[in-house]
Amino acid sequence: MPLRVTFVAAARSAPLLAERFDDDRPLDRSGWDEVQRAAGELLPLAGAELRYCSPTPRSRATGDVLGYTPLVQPALRDCDMGRWRGLTLGEAMAREPAAVDAWLADPRATPHGGESLLAFISRVGGWLDTRPAQDGGRIVAVAEPGVVRAALVYALKAPPASYWNIDVRPLSTTTVTGRAGRWNLRFDGVSAQPSRA
């Protein structure tokens, strides 16, 4: 049986346009409320054999509120944004427009002095590839949306630039199945029943 890894995107700690690079802020009140509302759907994932989370306060809190008691995984930290840490994209663009353009255009670029997009995707993919896979098993990992995007790009062997085209909403789930070097995206939805005429 293949290994099944379900990523749960951490609840939000700020409005989307106020999100900051390497954001270490805890969940705000609306984030806590979002987790409470989604708990009914996400609680069954607590039955996974292994439960992990990103080291950010909001990822840990999301996992704890959902009853996962996740183990913190440093490899699941968000992209190291160097001197842009704590800035919004708009603030970084206002300070260093050419550097932001270079970073967005080239997955190997590190104008901020941190980690390149390619290195980030490779780090997250390396974590995914080293998960234990004895006769299948289920893993749940609560992570920042950027980490989930990086995992998907890696799992699908997609070009790094596709990272910018993946939208991961807070508390959404994404599942990949397989084993090291061979991953498949799995959609878990309710299938439509044929209509009776």
Protein backbone atom coordinates (compact mmCIF):
# COMPACT_ATOMS: atom_id res chain seq x y z
CA MET A 1 0.00 0.00 0.00
CA PRO A 2 1.24 3.53 -0.71
CA LEU A 3 1.96 6.04 1.99
CA ARG A 4 -0.70 8.73 2.38
CA VAL A 5 0.38 12.21 3.50
CA THR A 6 -2.34 14.76 4.14
CA PHE A 7 -1.29 18.37 4.53
CA VAL A 8 -3.57 20.68 6.51
CA ALA A 9 -2.90 24.37 5.86
CA ALA A 10 -2.53 26.29 9.11
CA ALA A 11 -5.27 28.68 10.13
CA ARG A 12 -4.72 32.32 9.32
CA SER A 13 -3.13 34.75 11.77
CA ALA A 14 -3.77 37.87 9.66
CA PRO A 15 -5.82 39.00 6.66
CA LEU A 16 -4.34 37.75 3.37
CA LEU A 17 -2.94 41.13 2.29
CA ALA A 18 -1.32 41.59 5.71
CA GLU A 19 0.49 38.21 5.64
CA ARG A 20 4.17 38.58 6.30
CA PHE A 21 7.19 36.57 5.18
CA ASP A 22 8.33 34.12 7.88
CA ASP A 23 5.34 35.12 9.98
CA ASP A 24 5.79 33.90 13.55
CA ARG A 25 2.63 35.47 14.91
CA PRO A 26 0.23 33.21 16.82
CA LEU A 27 -3.33 32.61 15.73
CA ASP A 28 -5.53 35.63 16.17
CA ARG A 29 -9.13 35.43 17.38
CA SER A 30 -10.54 34.87 13.88
CA GLY A 31 -7.97 32.11 13.30
CA TRP A 32 -9.07 30.33 16.47
CA ASP A 33 -12.69 30.69 15.37
CA GLU A 34 -11.85 29.24 11.91
CA VAL A 35 -10.21 26.20 13.50
CA GLN A 36 -13.22 25.64 15.76
CA ARG A 37 -15.59 25.79 12.76
CA ALA A 38 -13.46 23.36 10.71
CA ALA A 39 -12.76 20.95 13.56
CA GLY A 40 -15.64 18.61 12.74
CA GLU A 41 -14.22 17.90 9.29
CA LEU A 42 -10.56 17.82 10.31
CA LEU A 43 -10.71 15.86 13.59
CA PRO A 44 -10.76 12.44 11.85
CA LEU A 45 -7.22 13.13 10.58
CA ALA A 46 -6.05 12.79 14.21
CA GLY A 47 -6.22 9.04 13.61
CA ALA A 48 -3.11 9.20 11.40
CA GLU A 49 -0.22 7.06 12.59
CA LEU A 50 2.18 10.04 12.42
CA ARG A 51 1.27 13.69 13.02
CA TYR A 52 3.63 16.58 12.27
CA CYS A 53 3.58 20.37 12.01
CA SER A 54 5.64 23.34 10.89
CA PRO A 55 7.49 25.10 13.73
CA THR A 56 5.37 28.29 13.45
CA PRO A 57 3.10 29.17 16.37
CA ARG A 58 -0.01 29.11 14.16
CA SER A 59 0.79 25.66 12.72
CA ARG A 60 1.44 24.23 16.18
CA ALA A 61 -1.73 25.84 17.56
CA THR A 62 -3.83 24.60 14.63
CA GLY A 63 -2.59 21.05 15.17
CA ASP A 64 -3.10 21.22 18.94
CA VAL A 65 -6.64 22.60 18.69
CA LEU A 66 -7.50 19.80 16.26
CA GLY A 67 -6.20 17.21 18.74
CA TYR A 68 -3.32 16.04 16.56
CA THR A 69 -0.59 16.63 19.17
CA PRO A 70 1.84 17.10 16.27
CA LEU A 71 5.61 16.68 16.37
CA VAL A 72 7.39 19.84 15.17
CA GLN A 73 9.42 19.29 12.00
CA PRO A 74 12.06 21.96 11.25
CA ALA A 75 12.13 20.82 7.58
CA LEU A 76 8.51 22.01 7.30
CA ARG A 77 9.37 25.61 8.16
CA ASP A 78 8.39 28.27 5.64
CA CYS A 79 10.89 29.66 3.16
CA ASP A 80 13.76 31.59 4.80
CA MET A 81 13.19 35.13 3.55
CA GLY A 82 16.40 36.66 4.88
CA ARG A 83 16.17 40.42 5.31
CA TRP A 84 12.54 40.42 4.09
CA ARG A 85 11.48 38.45 7.16
CA GLY A 86 8.49 40.15 8.76
CA LEU A 87 7.63 42.23 5.67
CA THR A 88 4.56 41.92 3.47
CA LEU A 89 5.15 41.42 -0.24
CA GLY A 90 4.03 45.02 -0.79
CA GLU A 91 6.55 46.33 1.75
CA ALA A 92 9.39 44.33 0.19
CA MET A 93 8.36 45.59 -3.26
CA ALA A 94 8.36 49.21 -2.04
CA ARG A 95 11.87 48.82 -0.61
CA GLU A 96 13.49 46.64 -3.27
CA PRO A 97 11.34 46.40 -6.43
CA ALA A 98 14.09 45.01 -8.68
CA ALA A 99 15.07 42.41 -6.09
CA VAL A 100 11.47 41.23 -5.65
CA ASP A 101 11.04 41.01 -9.43
CA ALA A 102 14.23 38.92 -9.68
CA TRP A 103 13.06 36.64 -6.87
CA LEU A 104 9.65 36.11 -8.50
CA ALA A 105 11.19 35.44 -11.94
CA ASP A 106 14.09 33.13 -11.04
CA PRO A 107 13.56 30.14 -8.69
CA ARG A 108 17.31 30.11 -7.93
CA ALA A 109 17.46 33.80 -6.91
CA THR A 110 18.18 34.85 -3.34
CA PRO A 111 18.19 38.67 -3.46
CA HIS A 112 16.84 38.76 0.11
CA GLY A 113 19.83 36.81 1.42
CA GLY A 114 17.66 33.86 2.43
CA GLU A 115 16.60 30.67 0.73
CA SER A 116 15.80 30.34 -2.97
CA LEU A 117 12.44 29.00 -4.05
CA LEU A 118 14.18 25.98 -5.57
CA ALA A 119 16.04 25.23 -2.32
CA PHE A 120 12.79 25.61 -0.36
CA ILE A 121 10.91 23.18 -2.64
CA SER A 122 13.82 20.71 -2.44
CA ARG A 123 13.93 20.90 1.37
CA VAL A 124 10.21 20.22 1.73
CA GLY A 125 10.41 17.46 -0.90
CA GLY A 126 13.33 15.89 0.93
CA TRP A 127 11.19 15.74 4.07
CA LEU A 128 8.37 14.13 2.11
CA ASP A 129 10.69 11.54 0.56
CA THR A 130 12.09 10.48 3.93
CA ARG A 131 8.77 9.63 5.58
CA PRO A 132 8.59 6.03 6.79
CA ALA A 133 6.56 3.92 4.39
CA GLN A 134 6.31 0.42 5.83
CA ASP A 135 3.25 -1.13 4.20
CA GLY A 136 1.56 2.19 3.69
CA GLY A 137 0.34 4.33 6.52
CA ARG A 138 -1.25 7.69 7.10
CA ILE A 139 0.51 10.91 7.99
CA VAL A 140 -0.97 14.32 8.69
CA ALA A 141 1.15 17.48 8.59
CA VAL A 142 -0.11 20.93 9.58
CA ALA A 143 1.96 23.46 7.68
CA GLU A 144 2.06 26.98 6.35
CA PRO A 145 0.33 27.39 2.95
CA GLY A 146 3.72 28.02 1.30
CA VAL A 147 5.00 24.67 2.58
CA VAL A 148 1.96 22.89 1.14
CA ARG A 149 2.54 24.61 -2.21
CA ALA A 150 6.20 23.56 -2.17
CA ALA A 151 5.23 19.95 -1.38
CA LEU A 152 2.79 19.88 -4.30
CA VAL A 153 5.31 21.28 -6.76
CA TYR A 154 7.81 18.65 -5.62
CA ALA A 155 5.35 15.75 -5.60
CA LEU A 156 4.09 16.55 -9.09
CA LYS A 157 7.59 17.25 -10.44
CA ALA A 158 6.19 20.52 -11.73
CA PRO A 159 8.37 23.45 -12.80
CA PRO A 160 9.30 25.63 -9.79
CA ALA A 161 7.47 28.61 -11.34
CA SER A 162 4.18 26.71 -10.90
CA TYR A 163 4.54 27.40 -7.16
CA TRP A 164 3.05 30.85 -7.81
CA ASN A 165 -0.05 29.32 -9.45
CA ILE A 166 -1.15 27.16 -6.52
CA ASP A 167 -3.69 28.63 -4.12
CA VAL A 168 -3.75 27.00 -0.68
CA ARG A 169 -6.45 28.29 1.61
CA PRO A 170 -6.23 28.17 5.41
CA LEU A 171 -7.46 24.87 6.86
CA SER A 172 -7.69 23.23 3.44
CA THR A 173 -6.41 19.68 3.05
CA THR A 174 -4.25 18.27 0.29
CA THR A 175 -3.22 14.63 0.07
CA VAL A 176 -0.36 12.98 -1.77
CA THR A 177 0.09 9.24 -1.95
CA GLY A 178 3.01 7.10 -2.98
CA ARG A 179 6.60 6.79 -1.85
CA ALA A 180 9.95 8.56 -2.21
CA GLY A 181 10.39 9.88 -5.74
CA ARG A 182 6.93 8.81 -6.86
CA TRP A 183 4.01 10.82 -5.56
CA ASN A 184 0.46 11.30 -6.77
CA LEU A 185 -2.00 14.01 -5.91
CA ARG A 186 -5.16 12.57 -4.43
CA PHE A 187 -8.52 14.30 -4.45
CA ASP A 188 -10.76 13.13 -1.64
CA GLY A 189 -14.23 14.31 -2.39
CA VAL A 190 -17.71 12.94 -2.43
CA SER A 191 -18.40 11.42 -5.81
CA ALA A 192 -21.62 12.37 -7.48
CA GLN A 193 -24.28 9.70 -7.51
CA PRO A 194 -25.81 8.98 -10.91
CA SER A 195 -29.26 10.45 -11.20
CA ARG A 196 -32.19 8.12 -11.57
CA ALA A 197 -34.44 8.94 -14.45
